[in-house]
Amino acid sequence: MAHKKSRSTQSRLESAGAGRATGRYMLKLYVTGATERSLRAIANLKAVCEQYLKGRYHLEVVDIYRRPERLSRDQIVAVPTLIKKLPLPLRLLVGDLSRTEQVLQGLGLVAHTS
């Protein structure tokens, strides 16, 4: 995952995140054990959170092999799935979270591009 951000990403971050500068992010990531895809999703998400949300997020990782009852509670149909509970609106992202720009958009940290 690239850690450099382009000028356009930087300006979108500043404009989209201006009102959320002190907001706390509540995130829940559903994974399937210690598979390569699950570990990659965890690493990718932690890297994004540490770079863009350091000190402003809480991440809960739920292994569906250990906690299968949680799938129906949050209506999870594919994994890995990230749920952004706060700040609103609630959003779901599916996949290994390797596309940083899409993760930032899903977290509401950058404006969607057309």
C-alpha atoms as a PDB file:
ATOM      1  CA  MET A   1       0.000   0.000   0.000  1.00  0.00           C
ATOM      2  CA  ALA A   2       1.389   3.359  -1.000  1.00  0.00           C
ATOM      3  CA  HIS A   3       1.830   5.922   1.757  1.00  0.00           C
ATOM      4  CA  LYS A   4       2.422   8.913  -0.496  1.00  0.00           C
ATOM      5  CA  LYS A   5      -0.553  11.075  -1.267  1.00  0.00           C
ATOM      6  CA  SER A   6      -0.984  13.150  -4.379  1.00  0.00           C
ATOM      7  CA  ARG A   7      -1.760  16.855  -4.285  1.00  0.00           C
ATOM      8  CA  SER A   8      -5.355  16.119  -5.317  1.00  0.00           C
ATOM      9  CA  THR A   9      -5.727  13.561  -2.532  1.00  0.00           C
ATOM     10  CA  GLN A  10      -4.221  16.028  -0.053  1.00  0.00           C
ATOM     11  CA  SER A  11      -6.621  18.821  -1.047  1.00  0.00           C
ATOM     12  CA  ARG A  12      -9.622  16.478  -0.934  1.00  0.00           C
ATOM     13  CA  LEU A  13      -8.463  15.271   2.497  1.00  0.00           C
ATOM     14  CA  GLU A  14      -8.277  18.820   3.771  1.00  0.00           C
ATOM     15  CA  SER A  15     -11.687  19.825   2.414  1.00  0.00           C
ATOM     16  CA  ALA A  16     -13.543  16.634   3.344  1.00  0.00           C
ATOM     17  CA  GLY A  17     -11.900  16.247   6.740  1.00  0.00           C
ATOM     18  CA  ALA A  18     -12.121  19.841   7.891  1.00  0.00           C
ATOM     19  CA  GLY A  19     -15.257  19.249   9.951  1.00  0.00           C
ATOM     20  CA  ARG A  20     -14.086  15.891  11.237  1.00  0.00           C
ATOM     21  CA  ALA A  21     -10.732  16.959  12.627  1.00  0.00           C
ATOM     22  CA  THR A  22     -11.658  15.884  16.142  1.00  0.00           C
ATOM     23  CA  GLY A  23     -14.191  13.171  15.221  1.00  0.00           C
ATOM     24  CA  ARG A  24     -13.708   9.672  16.567  1.00  0.00           C
ATOM     25  CA  TYR A  25     -13.986   6.757  14.142  1.00  0.00           C
ATOM     26  CA  MET A  26     -15.555   3.499  15.277  1.00  0.00           C
ATOM     27  CA  LEU A  27     -14.570   0.686  12.910  1.00  0.00           C
ATOM     28  CA  LYS A  28     -15.312  -3.027  12.858  1.00  0.00           C
ATOM     29  CA  LEU A  29     -13.475  -5.370  10.480  1.00  0.00           C
ATOM     30  CA  TYR A  30     -14.824  -8.869   9.846  1.00  0.00           C
ATOM     31  CA  VAL A  31     -12.193 -11.412   8.768  1.00  0.00           C
ATOM     32  CA  THR A  32     -11.857 -15.181   8.287  1.00  0.00           C
ATOM     33  CA  GLY A  33      -9.145 -16.310  10.643  1.00  0.00           C
ATOM     34  CA  ALA A  34      -5.482 -15.804   9.794  1.00  0.00           C
ATOM     35  CA  THR A  35      -5.836 -16.192   6.036  1.00  0.00           C
ATOM     36  CA  GLU A  36      -3.570 -14.180   3.743  1.00  0.00           C
ATOM     37  CA  ARG A  37      -6.501 -12.012   2.602  1.00  0.00           C
ATOM     38  CA  SER A  38      -7.614 -11.333   6.174  1.00  0.00           C
ATOM     39  CA  LEU A  39      -4.125 -10.448   7.369  1.00  0.00           C
ATOM     40  CA  ARG A  40      -3.664  -8.159   4.357  1.00  0.00           C
ATOM     41  CA  ALA A  41      -6.975  -6.400   5.105  1.00  0.00           C
ATOM     42  CA  ILE A  42      -5.961  -5.865   8.746  1.00  0.00           C
ATOM     43  CA  ALA A  43      -2.523  -4.536   7.788  1.00  0.00           C
ATOM     44  CA  ASN A  44      -3.920  -2.254   5.068  1.00  0.00           C
ATOM     45  CA  LEU A  45      -6.587  -0.820   7.357  1.00  0.00           C
ATOM     46  CA  LYS A  46      -4.176  -0.262  10.246  1.00  0.00           C
ATOM     47  CA  ALA A  47      -1.756   1.531   7.918  1.00  0.00           C
ATOM     48  CA  VAL A  48      -4.518   3.870   6.680  1.00  0.00           C
ATOM     49  CA  CYS A  49      -5.790   4.488  10.202  1.00  0.00           C
ATOM     50  CA  GLU A  50      -2.341   5.239  11.589  1.00  0.00           C
ATOM     51  CA  GLN A  51      -1.573   7.621   8.738  1.00  0.00           C
ATOM     52  CA  TYR A  52      -4.902   9.471   8.540  1.00  0.00           C
ATOM     53  CA  LEU A  53      -6.684   8.869  11.875  1.00  0.00           C
ATOM     54  CA  LYS A  54      -3.888   8.436  14.411  1.00  0.00           C
ATOM     55  CA  GLY A  55      -5.341   8.654  17.906  1.00  0.00           C
ATOM     56  CA  ARG A  56      -8.890   9.141  16.596  1.00  0.00           C
ATOM     57  CA  TYR A  57     -10.098   5.611  15.898  1.00  0.00           C
ATOM     58  CA  HIS A  58     -11.173   2.431  17.592  1.00  0.00           C
ATOM     59  CA  LEU A  59     -10.838  -0.750  15.546  1.00  0.00           C
ATOM     60  CA  GLU A  60     -12.481  -4.026  16.475  1.00  0.00           C
ATOM     61  CA  VAL A  61     -11.395  -7.059  14.443  1.00  0.00           C
ATOM     62  CA  VAL A  62     -13.946  -9.884  14.445  1.00  0.00           C
ATOM     63  CA  ASP A  63     -12.832 -13.357  13.353  1.00  0.00           C
ATOM     64  CA  ILE A  64     -15.983 -15.036  12.022  1.00  0.00           C
ATOM     65  CA  TYR A  65     -14.512 -18.482  12.692  1.00  0.00           C
ATOM     66  CA  ARG A  66     -14.420 -17.660  16.401  1.00  0.00           C
ATOM     67  CA  ARG A  67     -17.569 -15.500  16.527  1.00  0.00           C
ATOM     68  CA  PRO A  68     -19.946 -16.757  13.767  1.00  0.00           C
ATOM     69  CA  GLU A  69     -22.994 -15.353  15.568  1.00  0.00           C
ATOM     70  CA  ARG A  70     -21.752 -11.824  14.815  1.00  0.00           C
ATOM     71  CA  LEU A  71     -22.335 -12.335  11.071  1.00  0.00           C
ATOM     72  CA  SER A  72     -26.101 -12.255  11.317  1.00  0.00           C
ATOM     73  CA  ARG A  73     -26.127  -9.419  13.833  1.00  0.00           C
ATOM     74  CA  ASP A  74     -24.333  -7.066  11.435  1.00  0.00           C
ATOM     75  CA  GLN A  75     -25.744  -8.764   8.302  1.00  0.00           C
ATOM     76  CA  ILE A  76     -22.324  -9.643   6.874  1.00  0.00           C
ATOM     77  CA  VAL A  77     -22.429 -11.629   3.635  1.00  0.00           C
ATOM     78  CA  ALA A  78     -18.796 -11.324   2.467  1.00  0.00           C
ATOM     79  CA  VAL A  79     -15.445 -11.053   4.209  1.00  0.00           C
ATOM     80  CA  PRO A  80     -13.272  -9.169   4.748  1.00  0.00           C
ATOM     81  CA  THR A  81     -15.849  -6.452   5.422  1.00  0.00           C
ATOM     82  CA  LEU A  82     -15.194  -3.162   7.163  1.00  0.00           C
ATOM     83  CA  ILE A  83     -18.063  -1.357   8.888  1.00  0.00           C
ATOM     84  CA  LYS A  84     -17.592   2.326   9.648  1.00  0.00           C
ATOM     85  CA  LYS A  85     -20.085   2.946  12.452  1.00  0.00           C
ATOM     86  CA  LEU A  86     -18.984   6.456  13.363  1.00  0.00           C
ATOM     87  CA  PRO A  87     -18.933   9.128  12.234  1.00  0.00           C
ATOM     88  CA  LEU A  88     -22.212   8.756  10.392  1.00  0.00           C
ATOM     89  CA  PRO A  89     -23.213   7.794   7.785  1.00  0.00           C
ATOM     90  CA  LEU A  90     -22.623   4.095   8.356  1.00  0.00           C
ATOM     91  CA  ARG A  91     -20.607   2.579   5.510  1.00  0.00           C
ATOM     92  CA  LEU A  92     -19.478  -0.907   4.502  1.00  0.00           C
ATOM     93  CA  LEU A  93     -16.347  -1.693   2.502  1.00  0.00           C
ATOM     94  CA  VAL A  94     -15.670  -5.194   1.204  1.00  0.00           C
ATOM     95  CA  GLY A  95     -12.292  -6.603   0.200  1.00  0.00           C
ATOM     96  CA  ASP A  96      -8.693  -6.556   1.368  1.00  0.00           C
ATOM     97  CA  LEU A  97      -8.689  -2.722   1.595  1.00  0.00           C
ATOM     98  CA  SER A  98      -5.602  -2.463  -0.612  1.00  0.00           C
ATOM     99  CA  ARG A  99      -6.966   0.434  -2.683  1.00  0.00           C
ATOM    100  CA  THR A 100      -6.115   3.332  -0.395  1.00  0.00           C
ATOM    101  CA  GLU A 101      -8.115   5.952  -2.313  1.00  0.00           C
ATOM    102  CA  GLN A 102     -11.294   3.843  -2.056  1.00  0.00           C
ATOM    103  CA  VAL A 103     -10.725   3.207   1.647  1.00  0.00           C
ATOM    104  CA  LEU A 104     -10.283   6.942   2.248  1.00  0.00           C
ATOM    105  CA  GLN A 105     -13.501   7.621   0.318  1.00  0.00           C
ATOM    106  CA  GLY A 106     -15.338   4.913   2.252  1.00  0.00           C
ATOM    107  CA  LEU A 107     -14.191   6.413   5.525  1.00  0.00           C
ATOM    108  CA  GLY A 108     -15.351   9.821   4.342  1.00  0.00           C
ATOM    109  CA  LEU A 109     -11.838  11.251   4.474  1.00  0.00           C
ATOM    110  CA  VAL A 110     -11.793  12.342   0.824  1.00  0.00           C
ATOM    111  CA  ALA A 111     -14.560  13.494  -1.478  1.00  0.00           C
ATOM    112  CA  HIS A 112     -15.663  11.074  -4.182  1.00  0.00           C
ATOM    113  CA  THR A 113     -14.188  11.860  -7.569  1.00  0.00           C
ATOM    114  CA  SER A 114     -16.341  11.851 -10.672  1.00  0.00           C
END
